[in-house]
Amino acid sequence: MSGQLLYSLLSGGHYAIAGLDLSSGTLTSLSVPGTADDMNPQVSPDQRYAVFYSNRDGDQEIWRLDLVDLSVTQLTFNTASDYDPSYSPDGSKIVFKSNRDDGYGDIFIMNADGSGQVNLTAGRSTSEDWDPVFSPDGSKIYFVSRLTIGDPSSDEIFVMNADGSNVQRLTNNAVPDWYPAVDSVTGRMAFVSKSAPASDDDLFVINADGSGRTQLTTGNGDEGDPAWSPDGGRLVFVRWNGSAYETYIANADGSAATLAPPQSGQQLGPCWWTPLPATFTPTPSASPSFSPTTTPSATLTLTDTPGIVASLTATPTQTVALPPPPSSTKTRTASPTLTPLPIASPTPPGATATLTSTLVPAVAIGPLEILEAWPVPNPDPVELRFKLAGPTERVTLRLWTPNFVCVGRLEGGPYAAGWQSLAIPATTLASAPLGLLYYTVAAELGGRKSPRRAPGRFVRLR
């Protein structure tokens, strides 16, 4: 079984977004809602973001998760409830359900940044419209309409133009039809329905025009939340096992349904995900400066995704040309010499034996700045030492594998200015392949989070 999924995983009494590698069974936590529930993640076409709905601010709103740096952005702000977001094929638009106008539910569309929100079904004030998805070419939107409020058996699938015009009914049955999922290759739609009013919820498929209704699964427990693989060859969905929903993978015709690597906790809303590879593009804003002191320091401003840990050698009169990263033609000049730093021999603050320090670019919010950070090995735990220019409410540390899968997240605070530390249990480091991990550091002050995490550093952990 190959590929990777995102879904909402029930853990600690609340749902968080998690990533699952189907080949290895490795599960990665991608969101930490705390006392809220992050539901129904849907990945952008470029695989950079996932939109979801959550009650993080007290009611259901649409949020966006950056799948590279794991930052979260709220896209809708109102006292009503917004649900079921989904991207357009080009990633420029998001459709979702909101009950802000008629109290039941309408289909809204907005730009990918949350601007330009428009009600597409404002004239349908006696039905509850929900669960919208785009057609493969972006010209149509499919959605479910509950024609009799409060009666799920009246759910039917409709289609309309992307501007809300020309609404057409696709299904007309004595049983509910819901949870549409469109195959981007063939345009066929998978959805959930019943063979009879008292039967289980099973998977069905129809053509884009509503014809060719075919049942794919039968009598294995209620099923829901289907999603096609990118090549249209497989379906992922959830199935009730008597106490919780679990994730299954089947062929496009419903055959060979196989339980995904099992996890503790109910799973909902699975979708396919192709993680982006880690990249590193340093762009110095100025030449690093060096002052030969007991613990030398330097300031190097980097952008984009994680880089490397570097050692700083006290040679203030030496000028060297640093080699560019792969696929880059840029060169940079710096006073210190930068070489990879093994975790086994960092120099903690105040040491006099060597003149070696770890460079970490500044992450600033007003007076806040992470000046330096380095891992200090102990049998258990390993410590990450970091220096703050001013008081900080919270510092967040994330650990990443070389293929940029988050394997740990730690928080600490509040902290005063100066040197502080976070303990990293050895068990958190156990998944580090070849003893290598990235780490990223972020900070929060006055309720505001840093807009960019400090680029991570390759560290040798064993």
Protein backbone atom coordinates (compact mmCIF):
# COMPACT_ATOMS: atom_id res chain seq x y z
CA MET A 1 0.00 0.00 0.00
CA SER A 2 1.56 3.28 -1.10
CA GLY A 3 0.80 6.99 -0.91
CA GLN A 4 0.11 9.45 1.89
CA LEU A 5 -3.12 10.69 3.44
CA LEU A 6 -4.36 13.56 5.55
CA TYR A 7 -7.31 13.11 7.88
CA SER A 8 -8.82 14.29 11.13
CA LEU A 9 -7.73 11.99 13.95
CA LEU A 10 -9.48 11.85 17.32
CA SER A 11 -6.86 12.09 20.06
CA GLY A 12 -7.19 13.29 23.63
CA GLY A 13 -10.88 14.02 23.16
CA HIS A 14 -10.39 16.35 20.16
CA TYR A 15 -9.68 16.06 16.44
CA ALA A 16 -6.34 17.15 14.98
CA ILE A 17 -5.08 16.93 11.41
CA ALA A 18 -2.60 14.10 10.91
CA GLY A 19 -0.61 12.70 8.00
CA LEU A 20 -0.35 8.96 7.38
CA ASP A 21 2.30 7.26 5.24
CA LEU A 22 0.52 4.19 3.88
CA SER A 23 3.71 2.27 3.10
CA SER A 24 5.31 2.59 6.54
CA GLY A 25 2.30 3.30 8.76
CA THR A 26 4.06 6.39 10.12
CA LEU A 27 1.63 8.93 11.57
CA THR A 28 2.56 12.60 11.83
CA SER A 29 0.62 15.21 13.80
CA LEU A 30 0.25 18.38 11.71
CA SER A 31 -2.12 20.52 13.79
CA VAL A 32 -2.52 20.96 17.53
CA PRO A 33 -5.96 22.51 18.16
CA GLY A 34 -5.84 22.02 21.93
CA THR A 35 -9.45 22.14 23.08
CA ALA A 36 -10.89 22.56 19.56
CA ASP A 37 -11.56 20.18 16.65
CA ASP A 38 -9.86 20.52 13.24
CA MET A 39 -12.08 18.78 10.67
CA ASN A 40 -12.29 17.74 7.01
CA PRO A 41 -8.85 18.74 5.62
CA GLN A 42 -8.67 19.28 1.84
CA VAL A 43 -5.28 19.75 0.14
CA SER A 44 -4.56 22.53 -2.35
CA PRO A 45 -3.60 21.45 -5.90
CA ASP A 46 0.03 22.51 -5.31
CA GLN A 47 0.13 20.41 -2.09
CA ARG A 48 1.31 23.41 -0.04
CA TYR A 49 -1.84 24.01 2.03
CA ALA A 50 -4.80 22.22 3.55
CA VAL A 51 -8.05 24.02 4.29
CA PHE A 52 -10.26 22.74 7.09
CA TYR A 53 -12.98 23.91 9.42
CA SER A 54 -12.48 24.31 13.17
CA ASN A 55 -14.08 25.80 16.26
CA ARG A 56 -10.76 27.28 17.42
CA ASP A 57 -12.35 30.73 17.87
CA GLY A 58 -15.54 29.42 19.48
CA ASP A 59 -17.61 28.71 16.36
CA GLN A 60 -16.93 26.86 13.12
CA GLU A 61 -14.70 28.84 10.76
CA ILE A 62 -12.53 28.04 7.73
CA TRP A 63 -8.79 27.81 8.42
CA ARG A 64 -5.71 27.11 6.31
CA LEU A 65 -2.77 24.94 7.39
CA ASP A 66 0.61 25.50 5.74
CA LEU A 67 1.87 21.94 5.20
CA VAL A 68 5.49 23.14 5.01
CA ASP A 69 5.93 25.28 8.13
CA LEU A 70 2.67 24.15 9.88
CA SER A 71 1.48 27.72 10.48
CA VAL A 72 -2.30 28.17 10.64
CA THR A 73 -4.30 31.09 9.19
CA GLN A 74 -7.95 31.87 9.84
CA LEU A 75 -9.82 32.65 6.59
CA THR A 76 -13.41 33.38 7.73
CA PHE A 77 -14.56 35.52 10.65
CA ASN A 78 -18.22 35.60 11.67
CA THR A 79 -20.58 34.45 14.40
CA ALA A 80 -22.25 31.87 12.16
CA SER A 81 -20.83 28.46 11.22
CA ASP A 82 -18.69 27.72 8.16
CA TYR A 83 -17.95 24.15 7.06
CA ASP A 84 -16.75 21.83 4.29
CA PRO A 85 -14.06 23.85 2.44
CA SER A 86 -12.64 22.61 -0.86
CA TYR A 87 -10.18 24.08 -3.39
CA SER A 88 -10.80 24.84 -7.05
CA PRO A 89 -8.58 22.88 -9.49
CA ASP A 90 -6.26 25.87 -9.97
CA GLY A 91 -6.08 26.61 -6.23
CA SER A 92 -7.33 30.19 -6.58
CA LYS A 93 -10.78 29.67 -5.03
CA ILE A 94 -12.32 27.89 -2.05
CA VAL A 95 -15.95 26.79 -1.84
CA PHE A 96 -17.58 26.11 1.52
CA LYS A 97 -20.89 25.92 3.35
CA SER A 98 -22.09 28.70 5.67
CA ASN A 99 -25.35 29.25 7.54
CA ARG A 100 -24.68 32.97 8.01
CA ASP A 101 -27.52 34.13 5.73
CA ASP A 102 -30.51 31.78 5.98
CA GLY A 103 -29.63 29.91 9.18
CA TYR A 104 -29.61 26.56 7.33
CA GLY A 105 -26.75 26.52 4.85
CA ASP A 106 -25.66 28.05 1.55
CA ILE A 107 -22.73 27.45 -0.76
CA PHE A 108 -20.18 30.27 -0.63
CA ILE A 109 -17.08 30.90 -2.72
CA MET A 110 -14.02 33.01 -1.81
CA ASN A 111 -10.48 33.65 -2.92
CA ALA A 112 -7.82 31.34 -1.52
CA ASP A 113 -6.74 34.03 0.99
CA GLY A 114 -10.28 34.38 2.38
CA SER A 115 -11.20 37.58 0.54
CA GLY A 116 -14.15 38.12 -1.78
CA GLN A 117 -16.71 35.87 -0.06
CA VAL A 118 -19.91 35.46 -2.13
CA ASN A 119 -23.10 33.46 -1.47
CA LEU A 120 -23.79 31.37 -4.59
CA THR A 121 -27.12 29.89 -3.44
CA ALA A 122 -28.74 32.88 -1.75
CA GLY A 123 -32.04 32.12 -3.49
CA ARG A 124 -32.31 28.64 -1.92
CA SER A 125 -33.57 29.76 1.48
CA THR A 126 -35.71 26.70 2.31
CA SER A 127 -33.01 24.06 1.91
CA GLU A 128 -29.69 23.31 3.57
CA ASP A 129 -26.91 23.26 0.96
CA TRP A 130 -23.57 21.75 1.96
CA ASP A 131 -20.43 19.77 1.04
CA PRO A 132 -19.48 21.57 -2.22
CA VAL A 133 -16.75 20.32 -4.61
CA PHE A 134 -15.52 21.59 -7.98
CA SER A 135 -15.61 19.73 -11.29
CA PRO A 136 -12.17 18.85 -12.70
CA ASP A 137 -12.18 21.87 -15.05
CA GLY A 138 -13.45 24.28 -12.37
CA SER A 139 -16.54 25.28 -14.34
CA LYS A 140 -19.08 23.44 -12.15
CA ILE A 141 -19.72 23.00 -8.43
CA TYR A 142 -21.41 19.88 -7.09
CA PHE A 143 -23.12 20.04 -3.68
CA VAL A 144 -25.62 18.28 -1.43
CA SER A 145 -28.99 19.83 -0.69
CA ARG A 146 -31.19 18.77 2.23
CA LEU A 147 -34.55 19.54 0.66
CA THR A 148 -36.52 19.04 3.87
CA ILE A 149 -34.83 20.73 6.81
CA GLY A 150 -34.08 18.22 9.57
CA ASP A 151 -34.64 15.17 7.33
CA PRO A 152 -31.36 13.55 6.16
CA SER A 153 -33.28 11.15 3.89
CA SER A 154 -34.08 14.14 1.65
CA ASP A 155 -30.41 14.78 0.82
CA GLU A 156 -29.80 14.89 -2.95
CA ILE A 157 -26.84 15.91 -5.13
CA PHE A 158 -27.04 19.03 -7.29
CA VAL A 159 -24.71 20.79 -9.73
CA MET A 160 -24.42 24.44 -10.76
CA ASN A 161 -22.08 26.69 -12.67
CA ALA A 162 -19.16 28.07 -10.68
CA ASP A 163 -20.93 31.46 -10.52
CA GLY A 164 -24.05 29.91 -8.94
CA SER A 165 -26.18 29.90 -12.08
CA ASN A 166 -28.01 27.00 -13.75
CA VAL A 167 -28.68 24.81 -10.69
CA GLN A 168 -29.56 21.24 -11.74
CA ARG A 169 -30.57 18.20 -9.72
CA LEU A 170 -28.49 15.06 -10.39
CA THR A 171 -30.03 12.47 -8.03
CA ASN A 172 -33.65 11.75 -7.14
CA ASN A 173 -34.13 8.83 -4.78
CA ALA A 174 -36.02 7.68 -1.71
CA VAL A 175 -32.65 7.38 0.03
CA PRO A 176 -30.07 10.08 0.85
CA ASP A 177 -27.20 10.86 -1.53
CA TRP A 178 -24.32 12.79 0.02
CA TYR A 179 -20.53 13.33 0.36
CA PRO A 180 -19.72 13.80 -3.35
CA ALA A 181 -16.12 13.32 -4.51
CA VAL A 182 -15.15 13.97 -8.15
CA ASP A 183 -12.45 11.99 -9.95
CA SER A 184 -10.12 14.56 -11.53
CA VAL A 185 -9.23 12.08 -14.31
CA THR A 186 -12.63 10.78 -15.50
CA GLY A 187 -15.05 13.31 -13.97
CA ARG A 188 -17.04 10.49 -12.35
CA MET A 189 -18.46 11.16 -8.91
CA ALA A 190 -18.21 8.85 -5.92
CA PHE A 191 -20.71 9.48 -3.14
CA VAL A 192 -22.46 7.84 -0.20
CA SER A 193 -25.98 6.42 -0.45
CA LYS A 194 -28.10 3.40 0.44
CA SER A 195 -29.52 0.51 -1.55
CA ALA A 196 -32.67 0.71 0.61
CA PRO A 197 -33.83 3.10 3.36
CA ALA A 198 -32.82 0.69 6.15
CA SER A 199 -29.51 -0.49 4.65
CA ASP A 200 -25.98 0.59 5.51
CA ASP A 201 -24.41 3.69 4.01
CA ASP A 202 -22.35 2.40 1.07
CA LEU A 203 -20.24 3.86 -1.73
CA PHE A 204 -21.79 4.55 -5.14
CA VAL A 205 -20.59 6.19 -8.33
CA ILE A 206 -22.34 8.17 -11.11
CA ASN A 207 -21.25 9.94 -14.27
CA ALA A 208 -20.89 13.72 -14.29
CA ASP A 209 -24.44 14.08 -15.67
CA GLY A 210 -25.99 11.86 -12.98
CA SER A 211 -26.34 8.75 -15.15
CA GLY A 212 -24.85 5.31 -14.58
CA ARG A 213 -25.58 4.93 -10.86
CA THR A 214 -23.50 1.95 -9.66
CA GLN A 215 -23.04 0.56 -6.16
CA LEU A 216 -19.38 -0.07 -5.24
CA THR A 217 -19.55 -1.54 -1.71
CA THR A 218 -22.16 -3.56 0.15
CA GLY A 219 -23.05 -4.34 3.76
CA ASN A 220 -19.75 -3.90 5.59
CA GLY A 221 -20.88 -1.17 7.99
CA ASP A 222 -21.69 2.47 7.34
CA GLU A 223 -19.16 4.17 5.06
CA GLY A 224 -18.44 7.82 4.35
CA ASP A 225 -16.03 10.55 3.22
CA PRO A 226 -14.82 9.09 -0.10
CA ALA A 227 -11.89 10.70 -1.96
CA TRP A 228 -10.20 9.69 -5.23
CA SER A 229 -6.47 9.17 -5.56
CA PRO A 230 -4.77 11.65 -7.94
CA ASP A 231 -4.59 9.04 -10.71
CA GLY A 232 -8.22 7.97 -10.24
CA GLY A 233 -7.21 4.38 -9.56
CA ARG A 234 -8.15 4.18 -5.87
CA LEU A 235 -10.68 5.45 -3.36
CA VAL A 236 -10.04 6.24 0.28
CA PHE A 237 -13.01 6.30 2.67
CA VAL A 238 -13.99 5.61 6.27
CA ARG A 239 -15.96 2.61 7.54
CA TRP A 240 -17.71 2.12 10.88
CA ASN A 241 -16.29 -0.87 12.81
CA GLY A 242 -18.91 -0.88 15.55
CA SER A 243 -17.18 1.62 17.81
CA ALA A 244 -15.27 4.05 15.55
CA TYR A 245 -14.62 4.99 11.93
CA GLU A 246 -11.46 3.58 10.36
CA THR A 247 -9.76 4.40 7.05
CA TYR A 248 -9.91 2.00 4.08
CA ILE A 249 -8.37 2.00 0.59
CA ALA A 250 -10.16 0.31 -2.34
CA ASN A 251 -9.78 0.05 -6.08
CA ALA A 252 -11.80 2.48 -8.18
CA ASP A 253 -14.51 -0.18 -8.66
CA GLY A 254 -14.80 -0.75 -4.89
CA SER A 255 -12.92 -4.05 -4.91
CA ALA A 256 -10.05 -5.10 -2.63
CA ALA A 257 -11.01 -2.73 0.20
CA THR A 258 -8.12 -2.84 2.65
CA LEU A 259 -7.76 -1.32 6.10
CA ALA A 260 -5.12 1.44 6.13
CA PRO A 261 -2.40 1.08 8.76
CA PRO A 262 -4.54 1.23 11.92
CA GLN A 263 -4.22 4.04 14.42
CA SER A 264 -5.62 4.56 17.88
CA GLY A 265 -8.45 7.06 17.55
CA GLN A 266 -11.32 7.60 15.13
CA GLN A 267 -10.46 8.96 11.67
CA LEU A 268 -12.66 11.21 9.52
CA GLY A 269 -12.38 13.11 6.22
CA PRO A 270 -9.36 11.38 4.62
CA CYS A 271 -7.82 12.84 1.47
CA TRP A 272 -4.70 12.15 -0.57
CA TRP A 273 -1.55 14.19 -0.01
CA THR A 274 1.85 14.41 -1.68
CA PRO A 275 4.27 16.12 0.77
CA LEU A 276 6.52 18.70 -0.79
CA PRO A 277 10.28 18.02 -0.62
CA ALA A 278 12.35 20.16 1.71
CA THR A 279 14.11 23.06 0.01
CA PHE A 280 16.64 25.62 1.16
CA THR A 281 17.24 28.98 -0.48
CA PRO A 282 19.31 31.30 1.74
CA THR A 283 19.24 34.97 0.83
CA PRO A 284 21.60 37.01 3.06
CA SER A 285 20.48 40.60 3.46
CA ALA A 286 24.02 41.60 4.44
CA SER A 287 27.40 40.02 5.02
CA PRO A 288 27.57 38.26 8.40
CA SER A 289 29.44 40.18 11.08
CA PHE A 290 31.93 38.68 13.50
CA SER A 291 33.39 39.81 16.82
CA PRO A 292 36.07 37.55 18.42
CA THR A 293 34.74 37.07 21.93
CA THR A 294 34.56 34.07 24.23
CA THR A 295 31.29 33.08 22.58
CA PRO A 296 31.41 34.64 19.11
CA SER A 297 28.15 35.49 17.40
CA ALA A 298 26.95 36.41 13.97
CA THR A 299 23.71 37.50 12.36
CA LEU A 300 22.63 35.83 9.14
CA THR A 301 19.15 36.48 7.74
CA LEU A 302 17.76 33.50 5.84
CA THR A 303 14.43 32.95 4.15
CA ASP A 304 12.29 30.01 3.07
CA THR A 305 12.67 26.50 4.44
CA PRO A 306 15.22 24.74 6.71
CA GLY A 307 18.97 24.98 6.17
CA ILE A 308 21.93 23.61 8.14
CA VAL A 309 23.63 23.98 11.48
CA ALA A 310 26.92 25.78 11.01
CA SER A 311 30.00 26.33 13.17
CA LEU A 312 31.62 29.75 13.44
CA THR A 313 35.44 29.78 13.51
CA ALA A 314 37.13 32.85 14.99
CA THR A 315 39.07 34.10 11.96
CA PRO A 316 37.94 37.73 11.77
CA THR A 317 40.37 38.72 9.01
CA GLN A 318 39.60 35.78 6.75
CA THR A 319 37.17 36.15 3.85
CA VAL A 320 35.77 33.05 2.20
CA ALA A 321 33.27 32.40 -0.57
CA LEU A 322 30.51 30.09 0.62
CA PRO A 323 29.35 27.43 -1.86
CA PRO A 324 25.79 27.93 -3.05
CA PRO A 325 23.07 25.37 -2.31
CA PRO A 326 22.24 22.81 -5.04
CA SER A 327 20.69 24.29 -8.21
CA SER A 328 21.76 27.81 -7.21
CA THR A 329 24.36 30.01 -8.89
CA LYS A 330 24.62 32.57 -6.13
CA THR A 331 27.80 33.07 -4.08
CA ARG A 332 28.15 34.80 -0.79
CA THR A 333 31.08 36.22 1.14
CA ALA A 334 31.37 36.01 4.91
CA SER A 335 34.00 36.73 7.53
CA PRO A 336 33.49 33.49 9.49
CA THR A 337 34.02 30.03 8.04
CA LEU A 338 30.81 27.95 8.05
CA THR A 339 31.04 24.15 8.33
CA PRO A 340 28.54 21.47 9.47
CA LEU A 341 28.32 21.18 13.24
CA PRO A 342 27.86 17.70 14.81
CA ILE A 343 25.56 17.62 17.80
CA ALA A 344 28.11 15.62 19.73
CA SER A 345 30.34 18.63 20.23
CA PRO A 346 28.43 21.92 20.58
CA THR A 347 29.82 24.64 22.81
CA PRO A 348 27.34 25.84 25.46
CA PRO A 349 27.22 29.52 26.49
CA GLY A 350 30.26 30.75 28.37
CA ALA A 351 32.66 28.05 27.20
CA THR A 352 36.28 29.10 26.77
CA ALA A 353 37.83 26.02 25.19
CA THR A 354 36.81 26.86 21.62
CA LEU A 355 35.38 29.76 19.71
CA THR A 356 32.42 27.94 18.13
CA SER A 357 28.79 29.01 17.97
CA THR A 358 25.63 28.08 16.13
CA LEU A 359 24.09 30.62 13.78
CA VAL A 360 20.34 31.12 13.86
CA PRO A 361 18.70 33.95 11.95
CA ALA A 362 16.65 36.45 13.87
CA VAL A 363 12.91 35.99 14.22
CA ALA A 364 11.58 39.30 15.45
CA ILE A 365 8.29 40.69 16.74
CA GLY A 366 9.10 44.07 18.18
CA PRO A 367 11.69 43.38 20.90
CA LEU A 368 11.54 39.61 20.39
CA GLU A 369 14.52 37.95 18.76
CA ILE A 370 15.90 34.44 18.88
CA LEU A 371 19.61 35.22 18.78
CA GLU A 372 21.14 31.77 18.95
CA ALA A 373 20.06 28.17 19.41
CA TRP A 374 21.85 24.87 19.61
CA PRO A 375 21.16 21.31 20.76
CA VAL A 376 23.04 20.18 23.87
CA PRO A 377 23.27 16.35 24.14
CA ASN A 378 22.52 14.56 27.37
CA PRO A 379 21.59 10.88 27.76
CA ASP A 380 17.92 11.90 28.10
CA PRO A 381 16.70 14.47 27.42
CA VAL A 382 18.57 16.45 24.80
CA GLU A 383 18.28 20.19 25.39
CA LEU A 384 17.78 22.91 22.82
CA ARG A 385 19.40 26.06 24.17
CA PHE A 386 18.25 29.38 22.73
CA LYS A 387 18.94 33.02 23.54
CA LEU A 388 16.16 35.61 23.60
CA ALA A 389 16.64 39.34 23.21
CA GLY A 390 13.51 40.09 25.26
CA PRO A 391 10.66 38.49 27.22
CA THR A 392 8.70 35.88 25.29
CA GLU A 393 5.37 34.26 26.09
CA ARG A 394 5.95 31.04 24.19
CA VAL A 395 8.63 29.31 22.14
CA THR A 396 7.67 26.40 19.89
CA LEU A 397 10.17 23.80 18.69
CA ARG A 398 9.37 21.41 15.84
CA LEU A 399 11.51 18.49 14.70
CA TRP A 400 11.52 17.30 11.07
CA THR A 401 12.89 14.34 9.16
CA PRO A 402 15.02 15.07 6.05
CA ASN A 403 11.95 14.53 3.83
CA PHE A 404 10.26 17.21 5.92
CA VAL A 405 7.80 15.16 7.98
CA CYS A 406 7.18 16.64 11.41
CA VAL A 407 7.97 14.05 14.10
CA GLY A 408 7.78 16.19 17.23
CA ARG A 409 6.43 19.45 18.59
CA LEU A 410 7.34 21.00 21.93
CA GLU A 411 6.35 24.26 23.59
CA GLY A 412 7.75 26.18 26.53
CA GLY A 413 7.30 29.52 28.22
CA PRO A 414 6.92 32.15 29.34
CA TYR A 415 10.61 33.04 29.19
CA ALA A 416 12.67 36.01 30.30
CA ALA A 417 15.41 37.51 28.14
CA GLY A 418 18.67 35.59 27.91
CA TRP A 419 19.52 31.90 27.62
CA GLN A 420 16.66 29.41 28.02
CA SER A 421 16.15 25.77 27.10
CA LEU A 422 13.60 23.17 26.01
CA ALA A 423 14.08 19.50 26.86
CA ILE A 424 13.64 17.03 23.99
CA PRO A 425 12.94 13.49 25.27
CA ALA A 426 15.04 10.82 23.59
CA THR A 427 11.86 9.00 22.56
CA THR A 428 10.95 11.99 20.35
CA LEU A 429 14.21 11.55 18.46
CA ALA A 430 13.86 7.82 17.83
CA SER A 431 12.48 8.24 14.31
CA ALA A 432 15.45 10.30 13.07
CA PRO A 433 16.82 8.47 9.99
CA LEU A 434 20.61 8.29 9.92
CA GLY A 435 20.67 10.41 13.06
CA LEU A 436 19.59 13.55 11.24
CA LEU A 437 16.72 15.91 11.87
CA TYR A 438 15.82 19.47 11.10
CA TYR A 439 14.55 21.73 13.81
CA THR A 440 12.59 24.97 13.57
CA VAL A 441 12.01 27.53 16.30
CA ALA A 442 9.13 30.00 16.51
CA ALA A 443 8.18 32.53 19.15
CA GLU A 444 5.09 34.38 20.35
CA LEU A 445 4.77 37.68 22.20
CA GLY A 446 1.71 39.69 23.15
CA GLY A 447 -0.61 37.23 21.42
CA ARG A 448 1.20 37.70 18.10
CA LYS A 449 3.13 34.91 16.46
CA SER A 450 6.25 35.42 14.41
CA PRO A 451 5.32 35.58 10.72
CA ARG A 452 8.15 33.21 9.79
CA ARG A 453 9.75 30.49 11.82
CA ALA A 454 13.52 30.54 12.11
CA PRO A 455 14.80 28.28 9.31
CA GLY A 456 15.62 24.87 10.72
CA ARG A 457 19.02 23.34 11.16
CA PHE A 458 20.33 19.90 10.37
CA VAL A 459 21.41 18.40 13.69
CA ARG A 460 23.08 15.09 14.39
CA LEU A 461 21.12 13.38 17.11
CA ARG A 462 22.94 10.10 17.57
